[in-house]
Amino acid sequence: MKAKNVSDDTQCHTDDITAITISHDRSLAASGQVGSAPAAFVWDARTGEKRQRFKLNKGARGVSTIAMSTDGKYVALADRHDQHNVYLFTVSSGVGINAVGGTSQIFDICFSARQGDNSFVTAGAKHIKFWDESCKGKNGVFGSAGELTSFACAAYDDQGLCYTGGANSLIYVWQGSSL
C-alpha cells in the first residue's frame, strides 16, 4: 500500500504481474512483473509463501513470459528490454545467467517435457530459438519443411518434440532445433 517508487519488492510484487506459470507437479508457481526495476518470484502454490526472488537487469522493463522446468529446478523468462534478454535462474539458489534474445519480441517460453532435459524454447515475432542449460541459443532450422513466421505459443511433449503455433495458422513440429 505504498507508492511504487518507495515500495519494497523483496517480499512481493510491487507492480502489475505480466507473466505467471505453475510447475509440472503443481507445487510451485512463478510470476513476473512490469516496471522500472522488475522482479520475478517463485511461490509455494499451496501456501502462497515466497520461495525465491529474482532480480532482472537494469533496463529490463518487465517480464514478458515465464516458464518452469519439468523438474522444478529452473525458471526461464524473457524481459521487455529492446534486446529481449533471456534469463535462466536456479530456483534453490536464486542464481541466474542471461543472454541477449535478439530484437524480435518474445511471446512464449517453454521447457522440454522430456525427463532430465532442461532445454527450452523461445517463440515470438519472426523468431524461434532453442536454448540449452548454459543459456546458449540456436535459431530454428526450417530447411524446405516450412517458412519463417511469427509464433504465438510453444509446447513440448514428453518425447522432446516441440510444437509451435504459427501466425500462418500452421502448427510446426520441431525435433531439436530442426523443423
Protein backbone atom coordinates (compact mmCIF):
# COMPACT_ATOMS: atom_id res chain seq x y z
CA MET A 1 0.00 0.00 0.00
CA LYS A 2 2.87 2.34 -0.84
CA ALA A 3 3.78 4.28 -3.95
CA LYS A 4 5.67 2.16 -6.48
CA ASN A 5 8.80 4.30 -6.20
CA VAL A 6 9.17 3.60 -2.45
CA SER A 7 7.75 0.07 -2.27
CA ASP A 8 9.92 -2.78 -1.03
CA ASP A 9 9.89 -5.57 -3.63
CA THR A 10 11.94 -8.08 -1.63
CA GLN A 11 8.86 -10.00 -0.40
CA CYS A 12 6.22 -9.49 -3.09
CA HIS A 13 5.33 -7.80 -6.35
CA THR A 14 5.07 -4.01 -6.34
CA ASP A 15 3.73 -3.55 -9.87
CA ASP A 16 1.46 -5.30 -12.37
CA ILE A 17 2.05 -9.04 -12.85
CA THR A 18 2.60 -9.70 -16.56
CA ALA A 19 3.53 -13.41 -16.60
CA ILE A 20 2.70 -16.45 -14.50
CA THR A 21 3.30 -20.20 -14.63
CA ILE A 22 2.94 -23.26 -12.42
CA SER A 23 5.30 -26.22 -12.01
CA HIS A 24 4.57 -29.61 -13.55
CA ASP A 25 3.72 -31.11 -10.15
CA ARG A 26 1.63 -28.04 -9.19
CA SER A 27 3.68 -27.38 -6.03
CA LEU A 28 5.34 -24.13 -7.17
CA ALA A 29 4.22 -21.07 -9.12
CA ALA A 30 6.36 -18.35 -10.67
CA SER A 31 5.34 -14.83 -11.61
CA GLY A 32 6.99 -11.75 -13.09
CA GLN A 33 6.12 -8.08 -13.07
CA VAL A 34 6.47 -4.97 -15.18
CA GLY A 35 8.25 -1.81 -14.05
CA SER A 36 11.49 0.12 -13.99
CA ALA A 37 13.08 -2.46 -11.65
CA PRO A 38 11.18 -5.69 -12.41
CA ALA A 39 11.44 -8.83 -10.34
CA ALA A 40 10.19 -12.39 -10.61
CA PHE A 41 9.20 -14.66 -7.76
CA VAL A 42 8.71 -18.35 -7.05
CA TRP A 43 5.89 -19.17 -4.63
CA ASP A 44 4.67 -22.26 -2.82
CA ALA A 45 1.46 -22.90 -4.77
CA ARG A 46 -0.32 -24.35 -1.75
CA THR A 47 0.55 -21.77 0.92
CA GLY A 48 1.49 -18.66 -1.09
CA GLU A 49 4.82 -18.44 0.76
CA LYS A 50 7.66 -16.80 -1.18
CA ARG A 51 10.38 -19.31 -2.05
CA GLN A 52 12.71 -17.18 -4.19
CA ARG A 53 13.10 -13.72 -5.72
CA PHE A 54 14.91 -12.99 -8.99
CA LYS A 55 16.07 -9.51 -9.92
CA LEU A 56 16.31 -8.60 -13.61
CA ASN A 57 18.97 -6.41 -15.18
CA LYS A 58 18.60 -2.65 -15.40
CA GLY A 59 16.53 -1.64 -18.42
CA ALA A 60 14.54 -4.89 -18.48
CA ARG A 61 11.20 -3.00 -18.21
CA GLY A 62 9.28 -6.14 -17.24
CA VAL A 63 8.79 -9.86 -17.70
CA SER A 64 7.09 -10.79 -20.97
CA THR A 65 6.90 -14.56 -20.41
CA ILE A 66 7.97 -17.11 -17.79
CA ALA A 67 8.26 -20.92 -17.52
CA MET A 68 9.42 -23.57 -15.05
CA SER A 69 11.39 -26.69 -15.91
CA THR A 70 9.60 -30.05 -15.59
CA ASP A 71 11.67 -30.93 -12.51
CA GLY A 72 11.01 -27.51 -10.90
CA LYS A 73 14.73 -26.69 -10.63
CA TYR A 74 14.81 -23.81 -13.12
CA VAL A 75 12.82 -20.74 -14.11
CA ALA A 76 13.35 -19.25 -17.55
CA LEU A 77 11.96 -15.87 -18.52
CA ALA A 78 12.26 -13.16 -21.14
CA ASP A 79 12.23 -9.45 -20.44
CA ARG A 80 10.87 -6.44 -22.32
CA HIS A 81 14.26 -4.83 -22.98
CA ASP A 82 14.94 -3.74 -26.58
CA GLN A 83 17.24 -6.78 -26.85
CA HIS A 84 14.67 -9.12 -25.22
CA ASN A 85 17.07 -10.76 -22.78
CA VAL A 86 16.52 -14.38 -21.79
CA TYR A 87 17.25 -15.43 -18.19
CA LEU A 88 17.70 -18.85 -16.62
CA PHE A 89 17.51 -18.95 -12.81
CA THR A 90 18.10 -21.83 -10.40
CA VAL A 91 15.13 -21.91 -8.01
CA SER A 92 17.04 -23.21 -4.97
CA SER A 93 19.85 -20.63 -5.05
CA GLY A 94 18.33 -17.72 -6.96
CA VAL A 95 21.46 -17.56 -9.11
CA GLY A 96 20.88 -16.84 -12.77
CA ILE A 97 22.50 -16.36 -16.11
CA ASN A 98 21.21 -14.38 -19.04
CA ALA A 99 21.78 -13.89 -22.75
CA VAL A 100 20.56 -11.49 -25.41
CA GLY A 101 17.47 -12.94 -27.07
CA GLY A 102 17.51 -10.56 -30.03
CA THR A 103 15.48 -7.68 -31.36
CA SER A 104 12.35 -9.78 -32.02
CA GLN A 105 9.70 -9.68 -29.30
CA ILE A 106 9.31 -12.94 -27.36
CA PHE A 107 5.73 -14.13 -26.82
CA ASP A 108 6.26 -17.52 -25.17
CA ILE A 109 8.91 -19.59 -23.43
CA CYS A 110 8.63 -23.31 -22.69
CA PHE A 111 10.81 -26.06 -21.22
CA SER A 112 11.15 -29.52 -22.69
CA ALA A 113 8.85 -32.04 -21.00
CA ARG A 114 11.28 -34.91 -21.54
CA GLN A 115 12.63 -36.27 -18.22
CA GLY A 116 16.10 -34.89 -17.43
CA ASP A 117 16.07 -32.39 -20.31
CA ASN A 118 16.18 -28.76 -19.18
CA SER A 119 16.46 -27.19 -22.61
CA PHE A 120 13.83 -24.62 -23.53
CA VAL A 121 12.49 -22.64 -26.47
CA THR A 122 11.54 -19.01 -27.03
CA ALA A 123 8.97 -18.14 -29.67
CA GLY A 124 7.87 -14.76 -30.93
CA ALA A 125 7.75 -12.22 -33.71
CA LYS A 126 9.51 -13.82 -36.70
CA HIS A 127 11.60 -15.87 -34.29
CA ILE A 128 12.10 -19.34 -32.85
CA LYS A 129 15.17 -20.12 -30.75
CA PHE A 130 16.22 -23.22 -28.83
CA TRP A 131 18.27 -22.81 -25.64
CA ASP A 132 20.39 -25.13 -23.51
CA GLU A 133 21.09 -25.05 -19.74
CA SER A 134 24.03 -22.68 -20.25
CA CYS A 135 21.69 -20.14 -21.90
CA LYS A 136 23.21 -20.63 -25.34
CA GLY A 137 20.61 -20.16 -28.07
CA LYS A 138 20.33 -21.70 -31.51
CA ASN A 139 17.89 -20.47 -34.16
CA GLY A 140 15.34 -22.91 -35.53
CA VAL A 141 16.31 -24.51 -38.85
CA PHE A 142 13.42 -24.57 -41.31
CA GLY A 143 15.06 -26.20 -44.33
CA SER A 144 12.48 -26.91 -47.02
CA ALA A 145 9.86 -28.06 -44.47
CA GLY A 146 8.40 -24.61 -43.78
CA GLU A 147 8.91 -20.89 -43.75
CA LEU A 148 9.68 -18.36 -41.05
CA THR A 149 6.62 -16.81 -39.46
CA SER A 150 5.74 -15.34 -36.07
CA PHE A 151 4.99 -17.84 -33.33
CA ALA A 152 2.46 -17.12 -30.58
CA CYS A 153 2.96 -20.23 -28.46
CA ALA A 154 5.16 -23.26 -27.82
CA ALA A 155 4.67 -26.62 -26.09
CA TYR A 156 6.72 -29.81 -25.66
CA ASP A 157 5.66 -33.42 -25.37
CA ASP A 158 7.39 -35.96 -23.12
CA GLN A 159 9.39 -37.32 -26.09
CA GLY A 160 11.17 -33.98 -26.60
CA LEU A 161 9.25 -32.79 -29.66
CA CYS A 162 8.41 -29.08 -29.65
CA TYR A 163 5.20 -27.72 -31.16
CA THR A 164 4.79 -24.05 -32.09
CA GLY A 165 1.72 -22.22 -33.33
CA GLY A 166 2.46 -20.04 -36.34
CA ALA A 167 0.78 -16.81 -37.38
CA ASN A 168 0.13 -18.54 -40.72
CA SER A 169 -2.32 -20.90 -38.92
CA LEU A 170 0.07 -23.88 -39.10
CA ILE A 171 1.46 -25.96 -36.26
CA TYR A 172 5.20 -26.53 -36.59
CA VAL A 173 6.81 -29.66 -35.11
CA TRP A 174 10.47 -29.48 -34.10
CA GLN A 175 12.99 -32.16 -33.25
CA GLY A 176 15.95 -30.50 -31.62
CA SER A 177 16.18 -27.21 -33.50
CA SER A 178 15.07 -28.66 -36.85
CA LEU A 179 11.59 -28.45 -38.33
